[in-house]
Protein backbone atom coordinates (compact mmCIF):
# COMPACT_ATOMS: atom_id res chain seq x y z
CA UNK A 1 31.76 8.12 -0.60
CA UNK A 2 28.26 9.51 -1.02
CA UNK A 3 25.40 7.14 -0.11
CA UNK A 4 23.07 5.77 -2.79
CA UNK A 5 19.84 3.99 -1.92
CA UNK A 6 18.61 1.41 -4.42
CA UNK A 7 15.06 0.54 -3.43
CA UNK A 8 12.93 -2.17 -4.97
CA UNK A 9 9.18 -2.29 -4.37
CA UNK A 10 7.23 -5.44 -5.14
CA UNK A 11 4.16 -6.06 -7.22
CA UNK A 12 1.87 -6.28 -4.18
CA UNK A 13 2.81 -2.69 -3.34
CA UNK A 14 2.22 -1.56 -6.92
CA UNK A 15 -1.21 -3.22 -6.86
CA UNK A 16 -2.32 -1.35 -3.72
CA UNK A 17 -2.88 2.38 -4.34
CA UNK A 18 -2.83 3.26 -0.62
CA UNK A 19 0.42 1.38 0.09
CA UNK A 20 2.00 2.70 -3.10
CA UNK A 21 1.17 6.31 -2.17
CA UNK A 22 2.62 5.84 1.33
CA UNK A 23 5.72 4.25 -0.15
CA UNK A 24 6.29 7.04 -2.68
CA UNK A 25 5.74 9.70 -0.03
CA UNK A 26 8.45 8.02 2.05
CA UNK A 27 10.74 7.78 -1.00
CA UNK A 28 10.27 11.51 -1.60
CA UNK A 29 11.77 12.27 1.82
CA UNK A 30 15.05 10.42 1.20
CA UNK A 31 18.00 12.74 1.50
CA UNK A 32 20.58 12.18 -1.21
CA UNK A 33 20.75 9.89 -4.20
CA UNK A 34 18.09 7.22 -4.73
CA UNK A 35 16.89 4.79 -7.39
CA UNK A 36 13.50 3.06 -7.33
CA UNK A 37 13.01 -0.27 -9.10
CA UNK A 38 9.43 -1.52 -9.30
CA UNK A 39 7.83 -4.88 -9.92
CA UNK A 40 4.90 -5.55 -12.18
CA UNK A 41 1.94 -6.50 -10.03
CA UNK A 42 -1.22 -8.13 -11.27
CA UNK A 43 -2.28 -5.51 -13.81
CA UNK A 44 -0.51 -7.30 -16.68
CA UNK A 45 -2.43 -10.51 -15.93
CA UNK A 46 -5.80 -8.75 -15.82
CA UNK A 47 -4.96 -6.84 -19.01
CA UNK A 48 -4.05 -10.09 -20.77
CA UNK A 49 -7.34 -11.64 -19.68
CA UNK A 50 -9.28 -8.67 -21.06
CA UNK A 51 -7.43 -9.04 -24.37
CA UNK A 52 -8.04 -12.80 -24.47
CA UNK A 53 -4.35 -13.71 -24.19
CA UNK A 54 -3.84 -16.82 -22.09
CA UNK A 55 -1.22 -16.57 -19.34
CA UNK A 56 0.99 -19.47 -18.32
CA UNK A 57 2.65 -19.56 -14.90
CA UNK A 58 5.25 -22.15 -13.89
CA UNK A 59 6.11 -22.28 -10.17
CA UNK A 60 4.79 -18.75 -9.81
CA UNK A 61 6.88 -17.39 -12.69
CA UNK A 62 5.31 -15.89 -15.78
CA UNK A 63 6.05 -17.48 -19.13
CA UNK A 64 6.58 -14.48 -21.41
CA UNK A 65 5.57 -15.34 -24.97
CA UNK A 66 5.67 -12.60 -27.61
CA UNK A 67 2.07 -11.42 -27.00
CA UNK A 68 2.61 -11.37 -23.23
CA UNK A 69 5.83 -9.40 -23.75
CA UNK A 70 3.81 -6.70 -25.54
CA UNK A 71 1.44 -6.51 -22.58
CA UNK A 72 4.08 -6.42 -19.83
CA UNK A 73 5.97 -3.74 -21.75
CA UNK A 74 2.80 -1.62 -22.02
CA UNK A 75 1.89 -2.13 -18.37
CA UNK A 76 5.29 -2.09 -16.64
CA UNK A 77 7.13 0.48 -18.76
CA UNK A 78 4.00 2.51 -19.54
CA UNK A 79 1.14 2.60 -17.08
CA UNK A 80 2.93 1.64 -13.85
CA UNK A 81 6.23 3.41 -14.46
CA UNK A 82 4.73 6.70 -15.60
CA UNK A 83 2.15 6.80 -12.82
CA UNK A 84 4.93 6.33 -10.26
CA UNK A 85 6.94 9.11 -11.91
CA UNK A 86 3.90 11.41 -11.90
CA UNK A 87 3.22 10.73 -8.21
CA UNK A 88 6.85 11.45 -7.33
CA UNK A 89 6.75 14.68 -9.33
CA UNK A 90 3.69 15.70 -7.31
CA UNK A 91 5.77 15.10 -4.17
CA UNK A 92 8.53 17.41 -5.35
CA UNK A 93 10.85 14.70 -6.70
CA UNK A 94 12.42 15.25 -10.12
CA UNK A 95 11.99 11.62 -11.20
CA UNK A 96 12.69 10.08 -14.59
CA UNK A 97 11.18 6.76 -15.67
CA UNK A 98 13.32 4.31 -17.62
CA UNK A 99 13.50 0.77 -18.94
CA UNK A 100 16.71 -1.10 -19.61
CA UNK A 101 16.49 -0.13 -23.28
CA UNK A 102 16.49 3.63 -22.59
CA UNK A 103 20.02 4.97 -22.94
CA UNK A 104 21.21 1.36 -23.08
CA UNK A 105 20.65 1.28 -19.31
CA UNK A 106 20.55 -2.50 -18.84
CA UNK A 107 21.52 -5.15 -21.36
CA UNK A 108 20.46 -8.74 -20.84
CA UNK A 109 20.29 -12.03 -22.71
CA UNK A 110 17.35 -14.37 -23.19
CA UNK A 111 17.43 -16.98 -20.47
CA UNK A 112 18.51 -20.43 -21.57
CA UNK A 113 16.83 -23.22 -19.62
CA UNK A 114 16.84 -26.67 -21.14
CA UNK A 115 14.10 -27.90 -18.80
CA UNK A 116 11.65 -24.96 -19.01
CA UNK A 117 11.29 -22.31 -21.70
CA UNK A 118 10.20 -19.11 -19.96
CA UNK A 119 10.05 -17.26 -23.27
CA UNK A 120 11.30 -13.68 -23.53
CA UNK A 121 12.78 -13.51 -20.03
CA UNK A 122 16.14 -11.84 -19.57
CA UNK A 123 19.16 -12.36 -17.33
CA UNK A 124 21.22 -9.20 -16.79
CA UNK A 125 24.61 -8.87 -18.50
CA UNK A 126 25.61 -5.25 -17.90
CA UNK A 127 24.44 -1.98 -16.37
CA UNK A 128 25.30 1.45 -17.80
CA UNK A 129 26.72 3.03 -14.66
CA UNK A 130 27.95 6.09 -16.61
CA UNK A 131 24.36 6.97 -17.58
CA UNK A 132 23.12 6.40 -14.02
CA UNK A 133 25.91 8.57 -12.60
CA UNK A 134 25.10 11.33 -15.10
CA UNK A 135 21.39 11.36 -14.27
CA UNK A 136 21.97 11.25 -10.51
CA UNK A 137 24.53 14.05 -10.68
CA UNK A 138 21.94 16.18 -12.47
CA UNK A 139 19.59 15.90 -9.51
CA UNK A 140 17.29 13.20 -10.84
CA UNK A 141 15.90 10.17 -9.08
CA UNK A 142 15.49 7.13 -11.32
CA UNK A 143 12.38 4.96 -11.56
CA UNK A 144 13.22 1.74 -13.38
CA UNK A 145 10.74 -0.72 -14.89
CA UNK A 146 11.64 -4.44 -15.10
CA UNK A 147 12.12 -4.47 -18.88
CA UNK A 148 15.60 -4.88 -20.41
CA UNK A 149 16.96 -5.39 -23.94
CA UNK A 150 19.55 -7.59 -25.61
CA UNK A 151 21.29 -4.98 -27.78
CA UNK A 152 19.83 -6.55 -30.94
CA UNK A 153 16.37 -5.04 -30.81
CA UNK A 154 14.71 -7.55 -28.48
CA UNK A 155 13.00 -6.46 -25.25
CA UNK A 156 13.04 -8.89 -22.32
CA UNK A 157 10.95 -9.26 -19.16
CA UNK A 158 13.42 -9.30 -16.27
CA UNK A 159 13.10 -9.99 -12.54
CA UNK A 160 12.96 -6.71 -10.62
CA UNK A 161 14.89 -8.10 -7.61
CA UNK A 162 17.73 -9.01 -9.96
CA UNK A 163 17.65 -5.60 -11.65
CA UNK A 164 17.92 -3.87 -8.27
CA UNK A 165 20.83 -6.09 -7.23
CA UNK A 166 22.62 -5.59 -10.56
CA UNK A 167 22.29 -1.80 -10.35
CA UNK A 168 23.45 -1.79 -6.73
CA UNK A 169 26.59 -3.78 -7.58
CA UNK A 170 27.31 -1.68 -10.69
CA UNK A 171 27.26 1.54 -8.63
CA UNK A 172 29.21 0.17 -5.63
CA UNK A 173 32.55 1.53 -6.91
CA UNK A 174 31.20 5.09 -6.94
CA UNK A 175 28.82 5.20 -3.97
CA UNK A 176 28.16 3.65 -0.58
CA UNK A 177 25.24 1.63 -1.88
CA UNK A 178 22.41 0.43 0.36
CA UNK A 179 19.93 -2.01 -1.19
CA UNK A 180 16.39 -2.10 0.20
CA UNK A 181 13.87 -4.76 -0.78
CA UNK A 182 10.46 -3.35 0.12
CA UNK A 183 7.34 -5.50 0.12
CA UNK A 184 4.11 -5.97 2.07
CA UNK A 185 5.54 -7.74 5.16
CA UNK A 186 7.55 -6.42 8.10
CA UNK A 187 10.60 -8.44 7.09
CA UNK A 188 11.62 -12.08 6.93
CA UNK A 189 9.33 -13.85 9.37
CA UNK A 190 9.82 -16.94 11.53
CA UNK A 191 6.08 -17.55 11.17
CA UNK A 192 4.36 -16.17 8.06
CA UNK A 193 1.10 -15.95 10.03
CA UNK A 194 2.67 -13.84 12.78
CA UNK A 195 3.70 -10.38 11.50
CA UNK A 196 5.62 -9.66 14.72
CA UNK A 197 7.94 -12.69 14.32
CA UNK A 198 10.55 -10.66 12.44
CA UNK A 199 14.04 -12.11 12.10
CA UNK A 200 16.17 -9.01 12.73
CA UNK A 201 19.38 -10.35 11.16
CA UNK A 202 20.23 -13.26 8.88
CA UNK A 203 23.76 -14.42 8.18
CA UNK A 204 24.81 -17.23 5.85
CA UNK A 205 24.82 -20.04 8.45
CA UNK A 206 21.38 -19.05 9.77
CA UNK A 207 20.09 -18.66 6.19
CA UNK A 208 21.11 -22.23 5.38
CA UNK A 209 19.34 -23.49 8.52
CA UNK A 210 16.19 -21.44 7.85
CA UNK A 211 16.00 -22.87 4.33
CA UNK A 212 16.58 -26.40 5.61
CA UNK A 213 13.75 -25.94 8.14
CA UNK A 214 11.48 -24.57 5.36
CA UNK A 215 11.02 -21.29 7.26
CA UNK A 216 12.44 -19.46 4.26
CA UNK A 217 11.07 -20.82 1.00
CA UNK A 218 9.62 -19.98 -2.43
CA UNK A 219 9.87 -16.29 -3.42
CA UNK A 220 12.00 -15.26 -0.44
CA UNK A 221 14.87 -17.56 -1.48
CA UNK A 222 15.81 -15.72 -4.73
CA UNK A 223 15.41 -12.39 -2.90
CA UNK A 224 17.97 -13.38 -0.24
CA UNK A 225 20.19 -15.01 -2.88
CA UNK A 226 20.21 -11.64 -4.67
CA UNK A 227 21.04 -9.96 -1.35
CA UNK A 228 24.16 -12.10 -0.98
CA UNK A 229 25.21 -11.42 -4.58
CA UNK A 230 24.90 -7.71 -3.79
CA UNK A 231 26.98 -7.94 -0.62
CA UNK A 232 29.63 -9.99 -2.45
CA UNK A 233 29.69 -7.28 -5.12
CA UNK A 234 30.54 -4.47 -2.71
CA UNK A 235 27.10 -3.25 -1.60
CA UNK A 236 27.26 -1.88 1.96
CA UNK A 237 23.98 -3.24 3.32
CA UNK A 238 20.83 -5.11 2.30
CA UNK A 239 17.58 -4.81 4.25
CA UNK A 240 14.24 -6.49 3.55
CA UNK A 241 11.02 -5.10 5.02
CA UNK A 242 7.75 -3.21 4.71
CA UNK A 243 8.00 -0.79 1.81
CA UNK A 244 6.14 2.11 3.38
CA UNK A 245 8.56 2.00 6.35
CA UNK A 246 11.32 3.04 3.97
CA UNK A 247 12.99 5.52 6.29
CA UNK A 248 13.11 3.03 9.15
CA UNK A 249 14.57 0.43 6.80
CA UNK A 250 17.24 2.91 5.70
CA UNK A 251 18.04 3.69 9.34
CA UNK A 252 18.20 -0.01 10.22
CA UNK A 253 15.40 0.24 12.78
CA UNK A 254 12.97 -2.01 10.90
CA UNK A 255 13.01 -5.07 8.68
CA UNK A 256 15.57 -7.86 8.32
CA UNK A 257 19.24 -7.07 7.74
CA UNK A 258 21.14 -9.57 5.59
CA UNK A 259 24.72 -10.17 6.74
CA UNK A 260 27.64 -12.12 5.33
């Protein structure tokens, strides 16, 4: 089967114009099929502040009320997504920018949490693999913003790591899918203050021990949990590492490889 690279870049990359440019230049050199999923960054928060809309964060997660949903849709699906598409076009990549609502790409439902109401936050239900296949086969590379819809007219703010994992699993029957989580660090680190302390490979027993020892915690936990969901769903490989080293991550010469 033909390889497909599903690459997610985090908000810290989106916030840094130099890193983002390096990352997109690397993405432009990928041979074959590729999909880029991007996070939101801090622009939505600063935009909300300028508009006088108070932002609530719970354990680092944004509570998306209806006014905040309007802002994240403008910023993620508009400003960030279209600037990434424009940069890729300037690098010779025929990119198309999409949200989950476009072409019914990704349907989700509003998260139900009896303890905490995160507002208009979505959990993915289904991915339109037929649409993705059609766009890829016509020579396009997809740039996907972390906004989905519920099929009843409601947009939802959705975690970009989860979107990348869901797309990777949906396409695993048609491609050899490789999922790359790109962010600002070299990989999963034994010591967050030592960038050279990269853990080259993590399997499930070592992951459990690293969590128990609090070496892996907070935002890295859902990222690796998504990695294991992807591998269980037929994805060939998952690698976490520095976004601008995309080609090395693809080749397996950088970052942290997640193993069953």
